[in-house]
Amino acid sequence: MGKFIYEGGVRNEFEDRLLAHLQVVVGNKLRRGEPFYFVWKDDISTGGGRTSVWVHPRANIVFKFNGGRPPALNRAWLEALMSTANSPTGLYVVPEPADETVAPESYA
């Protein structure tokens, strides 16, 4: 499990594979200067509910991976996540579609 840490306080754990995909989507949005909401459901062990953060180009964001090797990326999943990030509700996790993997460094 990796960690997404926002502004030094808000944090959530995501599987490394998902976190790698989120990193690409967040990076692409911010590179374009496009702020957006990032929303996730909180684990029941932390009280449940959901968290929403406003991600903007000056935000302090850390993607902390548990594993040392970057996973292959699924282009279809990146596109699905980017589609949610471009919506009024903002980025949220969707299930991974059929595998269309690309090398981690080729989709930045």
N, C-alpha and C. Protein backbone atom coordinates (compact mmCIF):
# COMPACT_ATOMS: atom_id res chain seq x y z
N MET A 1 0.83 -1.19 0.00
CA MET A 1 0.00 0.00 0.00
C MET A 1 0.87 1.24 0.00
N GLY A 2 0.60 2.12 -0.94
CA GLY A 2 1.28 3.40 -0.99
C GLY A 2 0.42 4.46 -0.33
N LYS A 3 0.94 5.66 -0.23
CA LYS A 3 0.21 6.75 0.42
C LYS A 3 0.12 7.96 -0.50
N PHE A 4 -1.05 8.58 -0.50
CA PHE A 4 -1.26 9.87 -1.12
C PHE A 4 -1.34 10.87 0.03
N ILE A 5 -0.45 11.85 0.03
CA ILE A 5 -0.41 12.84 1.12
C ILE A 5 -0.61 14.21 0.50
N TYR A 6 -1.60 14.93 1.00
CA TYR A 6 -1.96 16.23 0.44
C TYR A 6 -1.73 17.32 1.47
N GLU A 7 -0.94 18.31 1.11
CA GLU A 7 -0.65 19.47 1.96
C GLU A 7 -0.15 19.06 3.35
N GLY A 8 0.53 17.92 3.43
CA GLY A 8 1.14 17.49 4.68
C GLY A 8 0.18 16.95 5.72
N GLY A 9 -1.11 17.00 5.47
CA GLY A 9 -2.06 16.56 6.49
C GLY A 9 -3.01 15.47 6.02
N VAL A 10 -3.75 15.74 4.98
CA VAL A 10 -4.72 14.76 4.47
C VAL A 10 -3.94 13.64 3.79
N ARG A 11 -4.25 12.41 4.18
CA ARG A 11 -3.55 11.28 3.58
C ARG A 11 -4.49 10.10 3.44
N ASN A 12 -4.19 9.26 2.46
CA ASN A 12 -4.97 8.05 2.26
C ASN A 12 -4.07 6.99 1.65
N GLU A 13 -4.37 5.75 1.94
CA GLU A 13 -3.60 4.64 1.38
C GLU A 13 -4.30 4.11 0.13
N PHE A 14 -3.50 3.85 -0.90
CA PHE A 14 -3.96 3.24 -2.14
C PHE A 14 -2.96 2.16 -2.53
N GLU A 15 -3.43 1.14 -3.21
CA GLU A 15 -2.51 0.13 -3.75
C GLU A 15 -1.52 0.83 -4.67
N ASP A 16 -0.27 0.36 -4.68
CA ASP A 16 0.77 1.00 -5.49
C ASP A 16 0.36 1.11 -6.96
N ARG A 17 -0.28 0.09 -7.49
CA ARG A 17 -0.68 0.11 -8.91
C ARG A 17 -1.66 1.26 -9.17
N LEU A 18 -2.66 1.39 -8.33
CA LEU A 18 -3.62 2.48 -8.47
C LEU A 18 -2.92 3.82 -8.25
N LEU A 19 -2.06 3.91 -7.24
CA LEU A 19 -1.37 5.16 -6.94
C LEU A 19 -0.53 5.63 -8.13
N ALA A 20 0.11 4.70 -8.83
CA ALA A 20 0.90 5.06 -10.01
C ALA A 20 0.01 5.67 -11.10
N HIS A 21 -1.17 5.13 -11.28
CA HIS A 21 -2.11 5.68 -12.26
C HIS A 21 -2.62 7.05 -11.82
N LEU A 22 -2.91 7.20 -10.54
CA LEU A 22 -3.35 8.49 -10.03
C LEU A 22 -2.26 9.55 -10.20
N GLN A 23 -1.02 9.16 -9.99
CA GLN A 23 0.10 10.09 -10.13
C GLN A 23 0.18 10.64 -11.55
N VAL A 24 -0.01 9.79 -12.54
CA VAL A 24 0.04 10.23 -13.93
C VAL A 24 -1.11 11.18 -14.23
N VAL A 25 -2.32 10.84 -13.78
CA VAL A 25 -3.48 11.68 -14.04
C VAL A 25 -3.33 13.04 -13.35
N VAL A 26 -2.97 13.03 -12.08
CA VAL A 26 -2.78 14.28 -11.34
C VAL A 26 -1.68 15.12 -12.00
N GLY A 27 -0.58 14.49 -12.35
CA GLY A 27 0.51 15.20 -13.00
C GLY A 27 0.10 15.83 -14.31
N ASN A 28 -0.65 15.10 -15.11
CA ASN A 28 -1.10 15.65 -16.40
C ASN A 28 -2.04 16.83 -16.21
N LYS A 29 -2.97 16.72 -15.28
CA LYS A 29 -3.90 17.83 -15.02
C LYS A 29 -3.14 19.07 -14.55
N LEU A 30 -2.22 18.89 -13.62
CA LEU A 30 -1.50 20.03 -13.06
C LEU A 30 -0.52 20.63 -14.07
N ARG A 31 0.07 19.79 -14.91
CA ARG A 31 0.97 20.29 -15.95
C ARG A 31 0.23 21.25 -16.89
N ARG A 32 -1.05 20.98 -17.08
CA ARG A 32 -1.88 21.85 -17.93
C ARG A 32 -2.45 23.04 -17.17
N GLY A 33 -2.17 23.12 -15.87
CA GLY A 33 -2.70 24.20 -15.06
C GLY A 33 -4.18 24.06 -14.78
N GLU A 34 -4.68 22.83 -14.72
CA GLU A 34 -6.11 22.55 -14.52
C GLU A 34 -6.37 22.04 -13.11
N PRO A 35 -6.85 22.88 -12.20
CA PRO A 35 -7.20 22.40 -10.86
C PRO A 35 -8.46 21.53 -10.92
N PHE A 36 -8.64 20.67 -9.92
CA PHE A 36 -9.77 19.74 -9.91
C PHE A 36 -9.95 19.19 -8.51
N TYR A 37 -11.11 18.60 -8.26
CA TYR A 37 -11.34 17.89 -7.00
C TYR A 37 -10.84 16.46 -7.14
N PHE A 38 -10.33 15.91 -6.05
CA PHE A 38 -9.99 14.50 -5.95
C PHE A 38 -10.79 13.97 -4.77
N VAL A 39 -11.63 12.98 -5.03
CA VAL A 39 -12.57 12.47 -4.04
C VAL A 39 -12.33 10.97 -3.85
N TRP A 40 -12.36 10.52 -2.59
CA TRP A 40 -12.29 9.08 -2.33
C TRP A 40 -13.13 8.74 -1.12
N LYS A 41 -13.52 7.46 -1.07
CA LYS A 41 -14.25 6.95 0.10
C LYS A 41 -13.24 6.58 1.16
N ASP A 42 -13.52 7.00 2.38
CA ASP A 42 -12.64 6.66 3.50
C ASP A 42 -12.93 5.25 4.00
N ASP A 43 -11.89 4.59 4.47
CA ASP A 43 -12.03 3.25 4.99
C ASP A 43 -12.90 3.28 6.25
N ILE A 44 -13.68 2.25 6.42
CA ILE A 44 -14.57 2.16 7.58
C ILE A 44 -13.77 2.18 8.88
N SER A 45 -12.51 1.70 8.84
CA SER A 45 -11.67 1.69 10.05
C SER A 45 -11.33 3.11 10.51
N THR A 46 -11.45 4.10 9.61
CA THR A 46 -11.17 5.49 9.99
C THR A 46 -12.46 6.30 10.14
N GLY A 47 -13.59 5.59 10.19
CA GLY A 47 -14.85 6.26 10.41
C GLY A 47 -15.74 6.34 9.18
N GLY A 48 -15.25 5.86 8.04
CA GLY A 48 -16.05 5.89 6.82
C GLY A 48 -16.18 7.30 6.27
N GLY A 49 -17.20 7.52 5.48
CA GLY A 49 -17.40 8.82 4.86
C GLY A 49 -16.58 8.96 3.60
N ARG A 50 -16.33 10.20 3.22
CA ARG A 50 -15.51 10.44 2.04
C ARG A 50 -14.70 11.71 2.26
N THR A 51 -13.63 11.81 1.50
CA THR A 51 -12.76 12.98 1.56
C THR A 51 -12.69 13.58 0.17
N SER A 52 -12.67 14.90 0.12
CA SER A 52 -12.53 15.62 -1.14
C SER A 52 -11.50 16.71 -0.94
N VAL A 53 -10.49 16.75 -1.82
CA VAL A 53 -9.48 17.80 -1.76
C VAL A 53 -9.45 18.54 -3.08
N TRP A 54 -9.17 19.84 -3.02
CA TRP A 54 -9.05 20.68 -4.21
C TRP A 54 -7.58 20.65 -4.61
N VAL A 55 -7.29 20.01 -5.72
CA VAL A 55 -5.92 19.86 -6.19
C VAL A 55 -5.63 20.99 -7.17
N HIS A 56 -4.56 21.72 -6.89
CA HIS A 56 -4.20 22.88 -7.71
C HIS A 56 -2.69 22.89 -7.93
N PRO A 57 -2.21 23.66 -8.91
CA PRO A 57 -0.78 23.62 -9.25
C PRO A 57 0.18 23.96 -8.11
N ARG A 58 -0.24 24.68 -7.11
CA ARG A 58 0.67 25.02 -6.00
C ARG A 58 0.52 24.09 -4.80
N ALA A 59 -0.30 23.06 -4.93
CA ALA A 59 -0.52 22.12 -3.83
C ALA A 59 0.73 21.29 -3.57
N ASN A 60 0.95 20.96 -2.31
CA ASN A 60 2.04 20.09 -1.91
C ASN A 60 1.49 18.67 -1.86
N ILE A 61 1.89 17.84 -2.84
CA ILE A 61 1.36 16.48 -2.96
C ILE A 61 2.52 15.50 -2.94
N VAL A 62 2.35 14.43 -2.17
CA VAL A 62 3.36 13.37 -2.11
C VAL A 62 2.69 12.06 -2.49
N PHE A 63 3.33 11.32 -3.39
CA PHE A 63 2.92 9.96 -3.73
C PHE A 63 4.01 9.05 -3.17
N LYS A 64 3.73 8.35 -2.09
CA LYS A 64 4.71 7.51 -1.41
C LYS A 64 4.38 6.05 -1.70
N PHE A 65 5.24 5.40 -2.48
CA PHE A 65 5.01 4.01 -2.89
C PHE A 65 5.69 3.05 -1.94
N ASN A 66 5.04 1.93 -1.69
CA ASN A 66 5.61 0.90 -0.82
C ASN A 66 6.66 0.11 -1.59
N GLY A 67 6.38 -0.22 -2.83
CA GLY A 67 7.31 -1.01 -3.64
C GLY A 67 8.34 -0.13 -4.34
N GLY A 68 9.43 -0.73 -4.75
CA GLY A 68 10.50 0.02 -5.38
C GLY A 68 10.43 0.05 -6.90
N ARG A 69 9.62 -0.80 -7.50
CA ARG A 69 9.55 -0.91 -8.95
C ARG A 69 8.22 -0.34 -9.45
N PRO A 70 8.27 0.60 -10.42
CA PRO A 70 7.01 1.15 -10.93
C PRO A 70 6.24 0.11 -11.73
N PRO A 71 4.93 0.03 -11.53
CA PRO A 71 4.13 -0.95 -12.27
C PRO A 71 3.91 -0.49 -13.71
N ALA A 72 3.59 -1.45 -14.57
CA ALA A 72 3.18 -1.11 -15.93
C ALA A 72 1.85 -0.37 -15.83
N LEU A 73 1.65 0.56 -16.73
CA LEU A 73 0.42 1.36 -16.69
C LEU A 73 -0.58 0.87 -17.73
N ASN A 74 -1.84 0.95 -17.37
CA ASN A 74 -2.93 0.54 -18.24
C ASN A 74 -3.51 1.80 -18.88
N ARG A 75 -3.30 1.97 -20.18
CA ARG A 75 -3.75 3.16 -20.89
C ARG A 75 -5.26 3.38 -20.75
N ALA A 76 -6.03 2.31 -20.83
CA ALA A 76 -7.50 2.44 -20.71
C ALA A 76 -7.88 2.96 -19.33
N TRP A 77 -7.18 2.51 -18.30
CA TRP A 77 -7.47 2.98 -16.94
C TRP A 77 -7.08 4.44 -16.79
N LEU A 78 -5.92 4.82 -17.35
CA LEU A 78 -5.52 6.23 -17.32
C LEU A 78 -6.58 7.11 -17.97
N GLU A 79 -7.09 6.67 -19.10
CA GLU A 79 -8.11 7.45 -19.82
C GLU A 79 -9.40 7.53 -19.02
N ALA A 80 -9.79 6.42 -18.37
CA ALA A 80 -11.01 6.42 -17.55
C ALA A 80 -10.85 7.35 -16.35
N LEU A 81 -9.70 7.31 -15.71
CA LEU A 81 -9.46 8.19 -14.56
C LEU A 81 -9.40 9.65 -15.00
N MET A 82 -8.77 9.91 -16.14
CA MET A 82 -8.70 11.28 -16.65
C MET A 82 -10.09 11.80 -16.99
N SER A 83 -10.94 10.93 -17.48
CA SER A 83 -12.31 11.33 -17.78
C SER A 83 -13.04 11.79 -16.52
N THR A 84 -12.84 11.07 -15.40
CA THR A 84 -13.48 11.51 -14.16
C THR A 84 -12.88 12.82 -13.68
N ALA A 85 -11.56 12.97 -13.84
CA ALA A 85 -10.89 14.20 -13.40
C ALA A 85 -11.39 15.41 -14.18
N ASN A 86 -11.80 15.20 -15.41
CA ASN A 86 -12.31 16.28 -16.25
C ASN A 86 -13.79 16.57 -16.03
N SER A 87 -14.44 15.79 -15.19
CA SER A 87 -15.87 15.97 -14.94
C SER A 87 -16.09 16.97 -13.79
N PRO A 88 -17.31 17.50 -13.66
CA PRO A 88 -17.59 18.44 -12.57
C PRO A 88 -17.41 17.83 -11.17
N THR A 89 -17.58 16.52 -11.04
CA THR A 89 -17.42 15.88 -9.72
C THR A 89 -15.96 15.65 -9.38
N GLY A 90 -15.06 15.68 -10.34
CA GLY A 90 -13.64 15.52 -10.09
C GLY A 90 -13.16 14.09 -10.17
N LEU A 91 -11.87 13.92 -9.92
CA LEU A 91 -11.21 12.62 -10.00
C LEU A 91 -11.71 11.70 -8.90
N TYR A 92 -12.09 10.50 -9.28
CA TYR A 92 -12.42 9.46 -8.32
C TYR A 92 -12.02 8.12 -8.93
N VAL A 93 -11.83 7.13 -8.08
CA VAL A 93 -11.34 5.84 -8.51
C VAL A 93 -12.45 5.06 -9.20
N VAL A 94 -12.12 4.54 -10.38
CA VAL A 94 -13.02 3.65 -11.12
C VAL A 94 -12.30 2.31 -11.27
N PRO A 95 -13.04 1.23 -11.46
CA PRO A 95 -12.39 -0.08 -11.60
C PRO A 95 -11.48 -0.12 -12.83
N GLU A 96 -10.43 -0.91 -12.73
CA GLU A 96 -9.50 -1.03 -13.85
C GLU A 96 -10.13 -1.82 -14.98
N PRO A 97 -10.17 -1.23 -16.19
CA PRO A 97 -10.72 -1.96 -17.34
C PRO A 97 -9.70 -2.97 -17.89
N ALA A 98 -10.08 -3.64 -18.97
CA ALA A 98 -9.20 -4.63 -19.60
C ALA A 98 -7.81 -4.05 -19.81
N ASP A 99 -6.83 -4.90 -19.68
CA ASP A 99 -5.43 -4.50 -19.69
C ASP A 99 -4.95 -3.99 -21.04
N GLU A 100 -4.43 -2.78 -21.04
CA GLU A 100 -3.74 -2.19 -22.19
C GLU A 100 -2.48 -1.54 -21.63
N THR A 101 -1.54 -2.35 -21.19
CA THR A 101 -0.38 -1.82 -20.48
C THR A 101 0.60 -1.10 -21.40
N VAL A 102 1.22 -0.08 -20.82
CA VAL A 102 2.28 0.65 -21.48
C VAL A 102 3.41 0.80 -20.47
N ALA A 103 4.61 1.07 -20.94
CA ALA A 103 5.73 1.26 -20.02
C ALA A 103 5.47 2.48 -19.15
N PRO A 104 5.86 2.44 -17.87
CA PRO A 104 5.58 3.55 -16.95
C PRO A 104 6.06 4.90 -17.46
N GLU A 105 7.20 4.97 -18.10
CA GLU A 105 7.74 6.25 -18.52
C GLU A 105 7.16 6.75 -19.84
N SER A 106 6.35 5.96 -20.52
CA SER A 106 5.86 6.37 -21.84
C SER A 106 4.54 7.13 -21.79
N TYR A 107 3.95 7.29 -20.64
CA TYR A 107 2.64 7.96 -20.57
C TYR A 107 2.68 9.08 -19.54
N ALA A 108 3.54 10.04 -19.74
CA ALA A 108 3.63 11.15 -18.81
C ALA A 108 3.07 12.40 -19.42
